[in-house]
């Protein structure tokens, strides 16, 4: 007698866990939703490997039914998409490549804590907040906004640090001399004192 759910067998052929003969490592091999799986289990414990296989199957099936989840794209995929979407200067490309060093992170994992970790990794310990804003926060926000526009993740919520006041404007000696000589005797006295 034929099973009522035999049509699901083509879609769902469980990914069993087995030992590889050459290394003895646990591997997950099979096909789920027409997606071939062949990977090493992260644990050498058969129970944990079976759990990992079940979680992997559930994730693939969820994706097959509901499409890709928001935030499941990788950081590197988004960086590449950002660079290719519009003409970018070589300077911008270099920033994006630097930020994409941890490329396997998912967009759903990129948050304020990730920006702070990137600061620790990429910048010198004594770097100023304006450097952090310019080299980490602004490019990170730009290409996360690019991903959000394409429906790959939610809008970024990375706070900009408060920067100290504006740069103090000063006059070079020749500029000061020109100002003093051009302002007359009253202005020159007040500038000298």
N, C-alpha and C. Protein backbone atom coordinates (compact mmCIF):
# COMPACT_ATOMS: atom_id res chain seq x y z
N UNK A 1 0.83 -1.18 0.00
CA UNK A 1 0.00 0.00 0.00
C UNK A 1 0.88 1.26 0.00
N UNK A 2 0.51 2.19 -0.79
CA UNK A 2 1.29 3.41 -0.92
C UNK A 2 0.92 4.42 0.17
N UNK A 3 1.93 5.07 0.72
CA UNK A 3 1.72 6.04 1.78
C UNK A 3 1.05 7.30 1.23
N UNK A 4 0.24 7.94 2.06
CA UNK A 4 -0.45 9.17 1.64
C UNK A 4 0.53 10.31 1.44
N UNK A 5 1.67 10.24 2.09
CA UNK A 5 2.64 11.34 2.03
C UNK A 5 3.86 10.98 1.19
N UNK A 6 3.72 10.07 0.26
CA UNK A 6 4.87 9.64 -0.53
C UNK A 6 5.45 10.78 -1.37
N UNK A 7 4.63 11.77 -1.72
CA UNK A 7 5.14 12.89 -2.50
C UNK A 7 6.14 13.72 -1.70
N UNK A 8 6.08 13.65 -0.37
CA UNK A 8 7.03 14.39 0.45
C UNK A 8 8.39 13.72 0.48
N UNK A 9 8.45 12.44 0.15
CA UNK A 9 9.72 11.73 0.20
C UNK A 9 10.74 12.38 -0.74
N UNK A 10 10.28 12.85 -1.92
CA UNK A 10 11.17 13.52 -2.85
C UNK A 10 11.68 14.84 -2.25
N UNK A 11 10.82 15.52 -1.54
CA UNK A 11 11.18 16.81 -0.96
C UNK A 11 12.05 16.63 0.28
N UNK A 12 11.75 15.58 1.04
CA UNK A 12 12.38 15.45 2.34
C UNK A 12 12.99 14.06 2.47
N UNK A 13 14.25 13.94 2.16
CA UNK A 13 15.00 12.71 2.36
C UNK A 13 15.99 13.01 3.47
N UNK A 14 15.74 12.51 4.65
CA UNK A 14 16.48 12.89 5.86
C UNK A 14 17.99 12.84 5.66
N UNK A 15 18.67 13.77 6.31
CA UNK A 15 20.12 13.83 6.25
C UNK A 15 20.69 13.04 7.42
N UNK A 16 21.11 11.78 7.18
CA UNK A 16 21.61 10.97 8.29
C UNK A 16 23.02 11.37 8.71
N UNK A 17 23.35 10.99 9.92
CA UNK A 17 24.67 11.24 10.46
C UNK A 17 25.44 9.94 10.41
N UNK A 18 26.63 9.97 9.88
CA UNK A 18 27.47 8.77 9.81
C UNK A 18 28.91 9.12 10.07
N UNK A 19 29.72 8.08 10.23
CA UNK A 19 31.16 8.29 10.46
C UNK A 19 31.91 8.13 9.14
N UNK A 20 32.84 9.01 8.92
CA UNK A 20 33.66 8.92 7.73
C UNK A 20 34.74 7.87 7.97
N UNK A 21 34.92 6.98 7.03
CA UNK A 21 35.85 5.86 7.22
C UNK A 21 37.30 6.33 7.33
N UNK A 22 37.67 7.31 6.52
CA UNK A 22 39.07 7.74 6.49
C UNK A 22 39.50 8.48 7.75
N UNK A 23 38.63 9.32 8.31
CA UNK A 23 39.01 10.13 9.47
C UNK A 23 38.28 9.77 10.74
N UNK A 24 37.15 9.10 10.62
CA UNK A 24 36.36 8.77 11.80
C UNK A 24 35.49 9.92 12.27
N UNK A 25 35.47 11.01 11.53
CA UNK A 25 34.68 12.18 11.91
C UNK A 25 33.21 11.95 11.57
N UNK A 26 32.33 12.54 12.35
CA UNK A 26 30.90 12.45 12.08
C UNK A 26 30.55 13.40 10.95
N UNK A 27 29.78 12.91 9.98
CA UNK A 27 29.37 13.74 8.85
C UNK A 27 27.86 13.67 8.68
N UNK A 28 27.31 14.75 8.16
CA UNK A 28 25.89 14.84 7.85
C UNK A 28 25.78 14.81 6.33
N UNK A 29 25.13 13.77 5.80
CA UNK A 29 25.04 13.59 4.36
C UNK A 29 23.59 13.28 4.00
N UNK A 30 23.09 13.94 2.98
CA UNK A 30 21.73 13.66 2.54
C UNK A 30 21.20 14.78 1.67
N UNK A 31 19.91 14.71 1.37
CA UNK A 31 19.24 15.72 0.55
C UNK A 31 17.97 16.16 1.26
N UNK A 32 17.82 17.46 1.40
CA UNK A 32 16.61 18.02 2.00
C UNK A 32 16.11 19.12 1.08
N UNK A 33 14.84 19.01 0.66
CA UNK A 33 14.22 20.01 -0.22
C UNK A 33 15.08 20.29 -1.44
N UNK A 34 15.55 19.21 -2.05
CA UNK A 34 16.39 19.27 -3.25
C UNK A 34 17.71 19.99 -3.01
N UNK A 35 18.12 20.08 -1.76
CA UNK A 35 19.40 20.69 -1.41
C UNK A 35 20.31 19.60 -0.87
N UNK A 36 21.44 19.40 -1.53
CA UNK A 36 22.39 18.36 -1.12
C UNK A 36 23.18 18.86 0.08
N UNK A 37 23.28 18.00 1.09
CA UNK A 37 24.04 18.34 2.30
C UNK A 37 25.18 17.35 2.42
N UNK A 38 26.36 17.86 2.61
CA UNK A 38 27.52 17.04 2.89
C UNK A 38 28.48 17.91 3.68
N UNK A 39 28.46 17.72 4.99
CA UNK A 39 29.32 18.53 5.85
C UNK A 39 29.71 17.76 7.09
N UNK A 40 30.79 18.21 7.68
CA UNK A 40 31.24 17.60 8.93
C UNK A 40 30.41 18.16 10.06
N UNK A 41 30.03 17.29 10.98
CA UNK A 41 29.30 17.75 12.16
C UNK A 41 30.25 18.54 13.06
N UNK A 42 29.72 19.51 13.78
CA UNK A 42 30.56 20.34 14.63
C UNK A 42 30.97 19.62 15.91
N UNK A 43 30.32 18.52 16.21
CA UNK A 43 30.62 17.78 17.43
C UNK A 43 30.96 16.33 17.08
N UNK A 44 31.73 15.69 17.95
CA UNK A 44 32.02 14.27 17.77
C UNK A 44 31.06 13.41 18.57
N UNK A 45 30.12 14.03 19.25
CA UNK A 45 29.09 13.31 19.99
C UNK A 45 27.93 13.00 19.04
N UNK A 46 27.58 11.71 18.87
CA UNK A 46 26.51 11.36 17.91
C UNK A 46 25.17 12.02 18.21
N UNK A 47 24.82 12.21 19.47
CA UNK A 47 23.54 12.84 19.81
C UNK A 47 23.52 14.31 19.39
N UNK A 48 24.62 15.02 19.67
CA UNK A 48 24.70 16.42 19.27
C UNK A 48 24.74 16.56 17.75
N UNK A 49 25.41 15.62 17.08
CA UNK A 49 25.46 15.66 15.62
C UNK A 49 24.07 15.43 15.03
N UNK A 50 23.29 14.52 15.63
CA UNK A 50 21.92 14.28 15.16
C UNK A 50 21.06 15.52 15.37
N UNK A 51 21.27 16.22 16.49
CA UNK A 51 20.54 17.48 16.74
C UNK A 51 20.91 18.52 15.69
N UNK A 52 22.21 18.60 15.39
CA UNK A 52 22.67 19.56 14.38
C UNK A 52 22.04 19.24 13.02
N UNK A 53 21.97 17.95 12.67
CA UNK A 53 21.36 17.55 11.41
C UNK A 53 19.89 17.93 11.37
N UNK A 54 19.19 17.73 12.49
CA UNK A 54 17.77 18.08 12.55
C UNK A 54 17.57 19.59 12.42
N UNK A 55 18.43 20.37 13.07
CA UNK A 55 18.34 21.83 12.98
C UNK A 55 18.63 22.30 11.55
N UNK A 56 19.61 21.68 10.92
CA UNK A 56 19.97 22.02 9.54
C UNK A 56 18.80 21.70 8.60
N UNK A 57 18.20 20.55 8.79
CA UNK A 57 17.04 20.17 7.97
C UNK A 57 15.89 21.15 8.15
N UNK A 58 15.63 21.50 9.41
CA UNK A 58 14.54 22.44 9.69
C UNK A 58 14.80 23.79 9.03
N UNK A 59 16.04 24.24 9.08
CA UNK A 59 16.38 25.52 8.48
C UNK A 59 16.20 25.48 6.95
N UNK A 60 16.64 24.40 6.34
CA UNK A 60 16.51 24.28 4.88
C UNK A 60 15.04 24.20 4.48
N UNK A 61 14.26 23.44 5.22
CA UNK A 61 12.83 23.33 4.92
C UNK A 61 12.11 24.66 5.11
N UNK A 62 12.45 25.37 6.17
CA UNK A 62 11.84 26.69 6.42
C UNK A 62 12.16 27.64 5.27
N UNK A 63 13.42 27.60 4.81
CA UNK A 63 13.82 28.45 3.70
C UNK A 63 13.10 28.05 2.41
N UNK A 64 12.93 26.75 2.20
CA UNK A 64 12.24 26.28 1.00
C UNK A 64 10.78 26.74 0.98
N UNK A 65 10.15 26.77 2.13
CA UNK A 65 8.74 27.16 2.20
C UNK A 65 8.54 28.66 2.29
N UNK A 66 9.36 29.33 3.07
CA UNK A 66 9.12 30.75 3.37
C UNK A 66 10.14 31.70 2.76
N UNK A 67 11.00 31.19 1.91
CA UNK A 67 12.09 31.96 1.31
C UNK A 67 13.13 32.32 2.35
N UNK A 68 14.16 32.97 1.90
CA UNK A 68 15.29 33.32 2.77
C UNK A 68 14.84 34.27 3.86
N UNK A 69 15.29 34.02 5.07
CA UNK A 69 14.95 34.90 6.19
C UNK A 69 15.70 36.21 6.10
N UNK A 70 15.08 37.25 6.63
CA UNK A 70 15.79 38.53 6.71
C UNK A 70 16.96 38.37 7.67
N UNK A 71 18.09 38.88 7.28
CA UNK A 71 19.26 38.81 8.14
C UNK A 71 20.05 37.52 7.99
N UNK A 72 19.65 36.63 7.08
CA UNK A 72 20.39 35.39 6.94
C UNK A 72 21.47 35.46 5.87
N UNK A 73 21.50 36.54 5.12
CA UNK A 73 22.59 36.73 4.16
C UNK A 73 23.87 37.02 4.92
N UNK A 74 25.00 36.68 4.32
CA UNK A 74 26.26 36.92 5.00
C UNK A 74 26.73 38.36 4.79
N UNK A 75 27.59 38.75 5.68
CA UNK A 75 28.20 40.06 5.65
C UNK A 75 28.97 40.25 4.34
N UNK A 76 29.71 39.22 3.93
CA UNK A 76 30.52 39.29 2.71
C UNK A 76 29.63 39.43 1.47
N UNK A 77 28.52 38.70 1.42
CA UNK A 77 27.60 38.82 0.27
C UNK A 77 27.07 40.24 0.15
N UNK A 78 26.74 40.83 1.27
CA UNK A 78 26.21 42.18 1.25
C UNK A 78 27.28 43.19 0.85
N UNK A 79 28.49 43.00 1.34
CA UNK A 79 29.58 43.91 0.97
C UNK A 79 29.83 43.85 -0.53
N UNK A 80 29.84 42.65 -1.10
CA UNK A 80 30.03 42.49 -2.53
C UNK A 80 28.89 43.14 -3.31
N UNK A 81 27.67 42.94 -2.85
CA UNK A 81 26.50 43.55 -3.49
C UNK A 81 26.60 45.07 -3.44
N UNK A 82 27.04 45.61 -2.31
CA UNK A 82 27.17 47.06 -2.14
C UNK A 82 28.19 47.63 -3.11
N UNK A 83 29.32 46.95 -3.25
CA UNK A 83 30.38 47.43 -4.14
C UNK A 83 29.93 47.38 -5.59
N UNK A 84 29.18 46.33 -5.97
CA UNK A 84 28.78 46.17 -7.36
C UNK A 84 27.54 46.97 -7.74
N UNK A 85 26.77 47.44 -6.76
CA UNK A 85 25.50 48.12 -7.05
C UNK A 85 25.67 49.47 -7.74
N UNK A 86 26.72 50.17 -7.42
CA UNK A 86 26.94 51.50 -8.00
C UNK A 86 28.44 51.75 -8.07
N UNK A 87 28.85 52.70 -8.90
CA UNK A 87 30.28 53.00 -8.96
C UNK A 87 30.77 53.52 -7.60
N UNK A 88 31.78 52.90 -7.08
CA UNK A 88 32.35 53.29 -5.78
C UNK A 88 33.81 53.63 -5.99
N UNK A 89 34.30 54.58 -5.19
CA UNK A 89 35.71 54.93 -5.28
C UNK A 89 36.54 53.79 -4.70
N UNK A 90 37.79 53.76 -5.06
CA UNK A 90 38.68 52.71 -4.54
C UNK A 90 38.81 52.83 -3.03
N UNK A 91 38.73 54.06 -2.53
CA UNK A 91 38.78 54.31 -1.08
C UNK A 91 37.59 53.65 -0.39
N UNK A 92 36.40 53.82 -0.93
CA UNK A 92 35.20 53.20 -0.36
C UNK A 92 35.27 51.69 -0.45
N UNK A 93 35.76 51.18 -1.58
CA UNK A 93 35.90 49.74 -1.73
C UNK A 93 36.84 49.17 -0.67
N UNK A 94 37.91 49.90 -0.38
CA UNK A 94 38.87 49.43 0.63
C UNK A 94 38.21 49.38 2.01
N UNK A 95 37.42 50.39 2.36
CA UNK A 95 36.72 50.38 3.65
C UNK A 95 35.78 49.19 3.76
N UNK A 96 35.03 48.96 2.69
CA UNK A 96 34.06 47.86 2.72
C UNK A 96 34.78 46.52 2.82
N UNK A 97 35.89 46.38 2.09
CA UNK A 97 36.66 45.13 2.19
C UNK A 97 37.20 44.92 3.59
N UNK A 98 37.67 45.99 4.22
CA UNK A 98 38.17 45.88 5.60
C UNK A 98 37.06 45.44 6.55
N UNK A 99 35.88 46.01 6.38
CA UNK A 99 34.77 45.65 7.26
C UNK A 99 34.29 44.23 7.00
N UNK A 100 34.45 43.75 5.79
CA UNK A 100 33.95 42.42 5.44
C UNK A 100 34.92 41.31 5.81
N UNK A 101 35.94 41.62 6.60
CA UNK A 101 36.90 40.60 7.01
C UNK A 101 36.21 39.45 7.74
N UNK A 102 35.23 39.74 8.57
CA UNK A 102 34.48 38.70 9.24
C UNK A 102 33.29 38.31 8.40
N UNK A 103 33.55 37.94 7.16
CA UNK A 103 32.52 37.77 6.15
C UNK A 103 31.47 36.71 6.39
N UNK A 104 31.72 35.74 7.25
CA UNK A 104 30.74 34.67 7.44
C UNK A 104 29.66 35.05 8.45
N UNK A 105 29.78 36.18 9.08
CA UNK A 105 28.74 36.62 10.01
C UNK A 105 27.47 36.93 9.24
N UNK A 106 26.33 36.62 9.81
CA UNK A 106 25.04 36.89 9.19
C UNK A 106 24.63 38.32 9.48
N UNK A 107 23.84 38.91 8.58
CA UNK A 107 23.41 40.30 8.78
C UNK A 107 22.59 40.46 10.04
N UNK A 108 21.88 39.42 10.43
CA UNK A 108 21.10 39.47 11.66
C UNK A 108 21.97 39.59 12.90
N UNK A 109 23.26 39.25 12.77
CA UNK A 109 24.19 39.32 13.89
C UNK A 109 24.94 40.65 13.95
N UNK A 110 24.79 41.48 12.93
CA UNK A 110 25.50 42.76 12.88
C UNK A 110 24.68 43.79 13.64
N UNK A 111 25.23 44.24 14.77
CA UNK A 111 24.55 45.21 15.61
C UNK A 111 25.60 46.13 16.25
N UNK A 112 25.20 46.84 17.27
CA UNK A 112 26.11 47.77 17.94
C UNK A 112 27.33 47.03 18.51
N UNK A 113 27.11 45.86 19.08
CA UNK A 113 28.22 45.09 19.64
C UNK A 113 29.21 44.67 18.56
N UNK A 114 28.71 44.32 17.38
CA UNK A 114 29.59 43.95 16.27
C UNK A 114 30.42 45.15 15.83
N UNK A 115 29.83 46.34 15.82
CA UNK A 115 30.57 47.55 15.46
C UNK A 115 31.68 47.82 16.47
N UNK A 116 31.39 47.59 17.73
CA UNK A 116 32.41 47.80 18.77
C UNK A 116 33.53 46.76 18.63
N UNK A 117 33.17 45.51 18.31
CA UNK A 117 34.20 44.48 18.09
C UNK A 117 35.07 44.85 16.89
N UNK A 118 34.45 45.34 15.82
CA UNK A 118 35.23 45.78 14.66
C UNK A 118 36.17 46.92 15.02
N UNK A 119 35.71 47.80 15.89
CA UNK A 119 36.58 48.90 16.33
C UNK A 119 37.82 48.35 17.02
N UNK A 120 37.61 47.36 17.90
CA UNK A 120 38.75 46.76 18.62
C UNK A 120 39.70 46.05 17.66
N UNK A 121 39.15 45.42 16.63
CA UNK A 121 39.98 44.65 15.71
C UNK A 121 40.70 45.54 14.70
N UNK A 122 40.01 46.51 14.12
CA UNK A 122 40.54 47.26 12.99
C UNK A 122 41.25 48.56 13.35
N UNK A 123 40.90 49.16 14.47
CA UNK A 123 41.48 50.46 14.81
C UNK A 123 42.48 50.34 15.95
N UNK A 124 43.35 51.32 16.02
CA UNK A 124 44.31 51.36 17.12
C UNK A 124 43.58 51.67 18.42
N UNK A 125 44.12 51.20 19.55
CA UNK A 125 43.42 51.43 20.83
C UNK A 125 43.23 52.91 21.18
N UNK A 126 44.14 53.76 20.73
CA UNK A 126 44.04 55.18 21.08
C UNK A 126 43.33 56.01 20.00
N UNK A 127 42.62 55.36 19.08
CA UNK A 127 41.94 56.10 18.02
C UNK A 127 40.77 56.90 18.59
N UNK A 128 40.49 58.01 17.96
CA UNK A 128 39.44 58.91 18.44
C UNK A 128 38.06 58.46 17.97
N UNK A 129 37.04 59.01 18.59
CA UNK A 129 35.68 58.65 18.24
C UNK A 129 35.34 59.06 16.81
N UNK A 130 35.93 60.15 16.33
CA UNK A 130 35.66 60.58 14.96
C UNK A 130 36.22 59.57 13.96
N UNK A 131 37.35 58.94 14.28
CA UNK A 131 37.91 57.91 13.42
C UNK A 131 36.99 56.70 13.39
N UNK A 132 36.49 56.31 14.55
CA UNK A 132 35.55 55.19 14.66
C UNK A 132 34.29 55.48 13.84
N UNK A 133 33.79 56.70 13.95
CA UNK A 133 32.60 57.09 13.21
C UNK A 133 32.85 57.05 11.70
N UNK A 134 34.00 57.57 11.27
CA UNK A 134 34.32 57.68 9.86
C UNK A 134 34.68 56.33 9.24
N UNK A 135 35.42 55.47 9.97
CA UNK A 135 35.93 54.25 9.36
C UNK A 135 35.12 52.99 9.67
N UNK A 136 34.29 53.03 10.69
CA UNK A 136 33.51 51.83 11.03
C UNK A 136 32.01 52.10 10.90
N UNK A 137 31.50 53.07 11.65
CA UNK A 137 30.05 53.26 11.74
C UNK A 137 29.43 53.70 10.42
N UNK A 138 29.99 54.72 9.78
CA UNK A 138 29.40 55.25 8.55
C UNK A 138 29.39 54.21 7.42
N UNK A 139 30.52 53.55 7.10
CA UNK A 139 30.45 52.53 6.05
C UNK A 139 29.54 51.35 6.42
N UNK A 140 29.56 50.96 7.67
CA UNK A 140 28.72 49.85 8.12
C UNK A 140 27.24 50.19 7.95
N UNK A 141 26.86 51.39 8.35
CA UNK A 141 25.48 51.83 8.16
C UNK A 141 25.11 51.89 6.69
N UNK A 142 26.03 52.37 5.85
CA UNK A 142 25.74 52.52 4.42
C UNK A 142 25.43 51.18 3.78
N UNK A 143 26.26 50.18 4.03
CA UNK A 143 25.93 48.97 3.31
C UNK A 143 24.90 48.11 4.02
N UNK A 144 24.62 48.35 5.30
CA UNK A 144 23.46 47.71 5.92
C UNK A 144 22.17 48.35 5.41
N UNK A 145 22.20 49.66 5.16
CA UNK A 145 21.04 50.32 4.57
C UNK A 145 20.81 49.81 3.14
N UNK A 146 21.89 49.56 2.44
CA UNK A 146 21.82 48.97 1.09
C UNK A 146 21.14 47.60 1.16
N UNK A 147 21.52 46.78 2.14
CA UNK A 147 20.91 45.45 2.31
C UNK A 147 19.44 45.58 2.71
N UNK A 148 19.12 46.54 3.56
CA UNK A 148 17.73 46.75 3.99
C UNK A 148 16.86 47.17 2.80
N UNK A 149 17.41 47.98 1.90
CA UNK A 149 16.67 48.41 0.71
C UNK A 149 16.33 47.22 -0.19
N UNK A 150 17.15 46.18 -0.13
CA UNK A 150 16.92 44.99 -0.94
C UNK A 150 16.19 43.89 -0.18
N UNK A 151 15.74 44.20 1.04
CA UNK A 151 14.96 43.25 1.82
C UNK A 151 15.77 42.15 2.46
N UNK A 152 17.08 42.34 2.58
CA UNK A 152 17.93 41.30 3.15
C UNK A 152 18.02 41.37 4.67
N UNK A 153 17.74 42.53 5.24
CA UNK A 153 17.78 42.67 6.69
C UNK A 153 16.91 43.87 7.09
N UNK A 154 16.78 44.08 8.38
CA UNK A 154 16.04 45.24 8.87
C UNK A 154 16.94 46.47 8.79
N UNK A 155 16.35 47.65 8.94
CA UNK A 155 17.14 48.88 8.92
C UNK A 155 18.17 48.85 10.04
N UNK A 156 19.38 49.34 9.76
CA UNK A 156 20.44 49.29 10.77
C UNK A 156 20.16 50.21 11.95
N UNK A 157 20.54 49.75 13.11
CA UNK A 157 20.42 50.55 14.32
C UNK A 157 21.78 50.59 15.00
N UNK A 158 22.69 51.28 14.39
CA UNK A 158 24.03 51.44 14.94
C UNK A 158 24.19 52.90 15.32
N UNK A 159 24.35 53.13 16.60
CA UNK A 159 24.41 54.50 17.11
C UNK A 159 25.75 55.14 16.78
N UNK A 160 25.68 56.41 16.43
CA UNK A 160 26.89 57.18 16.18
C UNK A 160 27.39 57.73 17.51
N UNK A 161 28.68 57.59 17.78
CA UNK A 161 29.20 58.13 19.03
C UNK A 161 29.20 59.66 19.00
N UNK A 162 29.09 60.25 20.16
CA UNK A 162 29.18 61.71 20.26
C UNK A 162 30.63 62.12 20.07
N UNK A 163 30.84 63.03 19.13
CA UNK A 163 32.21 63.50 18.89
C UNK A 163 32.42 64.81 19.63
N UNK A 164 33.64 65.04 20.07
CA UNK A 164 33.92 66.31 20.75
C UNK A 164 33.72 67.47 19.78
N UNK A 165 33.76 68.69 20.30
CA UNK A 165 33.50 69.89 19.50
C UNK A 165 34.31 69.94 18.23
N UNK A 166 33.96 70.88 17.38
CA UNK A 166 34.62 71.04 16.09
C UNK A 166 36.09 71.37 16.26
N UNK A 167 36.83 71.19 15.21
CA UNK A 167 38.26 71.47 15.22
C UNK A 167 38.49 72.96 15.45
N UNK A 168 39.47 73.29 16.26
CA UNK A 168 39.82 74.68 16.54
C UNK A 168 40.49 75.27 15.31
N UNK A 169 39.96 76.36 14.85
CA UNK A 169 40.53 77.03 13.68
C UNK A 169 41.64 77.95 14.16
N UNK A 170 42.77 77.87 13.52
CA UNK A 170 43.89 78.72 13.88
C UNK A 170 44.43 79.38 12.62
N UNK A 171 45.24 80.40 12.82
CA UNK A 171 45.84 81.10 11.69
C UNK A 171 47.32 80.74 11.61
N UNK A 172 47.76 80.52 10.41
CA UNK A 172 49.18 80.32 10.19
C UNK A 172 49.87 81.68 10.30
N UNK A 173 51.18 81.71 10.58
CA UNK A 173 51.87 82.99 10.77
C UNK A 173 51.68 83.98 9.61
N UNK A 174 51.76 83.51 8.39
CA UNK A 174 51.60 84.46 7.28
C UNK A 174 50.16 84.95 7.16
N UNK A 175 49.16 84.09 7.53
CA UNK A 175 47.76 84.53 7.53
C UNK A 175 47.53 85.57 8.63
N UNK A 176 48.13 85.34 9.79
CA UNK A 176 47.98 86.30 10.89
C UNK A 176 48.61 87.64 10.51
N UNK A 177 49.78 87.61 9.87
CA UNK A 177 50.44 88.85 9.45
C UNK A 177 49.61 89.63 8.45
N UNK A 178 49.01 88.91 7.49
CA UNK A 178 48.17 89.56 6.49
C UNK A 178 46.93 90.17 7.14
N UNK A 179 46.37 89.50 8.12
CA UNK A 179 45.19 90.00 8.81
C UNK A 179 45.54 91.25 9.61
N UNK A 180 46.66 91.24 10.30
CA UNK A 180 47.07 92.38 11.12
C UNK A 180 47.36 93.60 10.26
N UNK A 181 48.09 93.41 9.18
CA UNK A 181 48.44 94.55 8.34
C UNK A 181 47.23 95.08 7.57
N UNK A 182 46.29 94.26 7.26
CA UNK A 182 45.14 94.69 6.48
C UNK A 182 44.03 95.31 7.30
N UNK A 183 44.04 95.26 8.61
CA UNK A 183 42.94 95.71 9.43
C UNK A 183 43.12 97.12 10.00
N UNK A 184 44.23 97.73 9.81
CA UNK A 184 44.42 99.08 10.34
C UNK A 184 45.01 99.04 11.75
N UNK A 185 45.26 100.27 12.33
CA UNK A 185 45.98 100.34 13.60
C UNK A 185 45.12 99.90 14.78
N UNK A 186 43.81 100.08 14.77
CA UNK A 186 42.97 99.70 15.90
C UNK A 186 42.86 98.18 16.00
N UNK A 187 42.62 97.57 14.87
CA UNK A 187 42.45 96.11 14.86
C UNK A 187 43.80 95.44 15.15
N UNK A 188 44.89 96.00 14.65
CA UNK A 188 46.18 95.37 14.86
C UNK A 188 46.57 95.39 16.32
N UNK A 189 46.22 96.47 17.08
CA UNK A 189 46.50 96.50 18.53
C UNK A 189 45.74 95.43 19.27
N UNK A 190 44.47 95.23 18.90
CA UNK A 190 43.65 94.24 19.63
C UNK A 190 44.09 92.82 19.29
N UNK A 191 44.59 92.60 18.10
CA UNK A 191 45.05 91.26 17.75
C UNK A 191 46.39 90.92 18.38
N UNK A 192 47.22 91.94 18.64
CA UNK A 192 48.53 91.68 19.24
C UNK A 192 48.42 91.41 20.72
N UNK A 193 47.45 91.93 21.36
CA UNK A 193 47.37 91.75 22.82
C UNK A 193 46.67 90.47 23.19
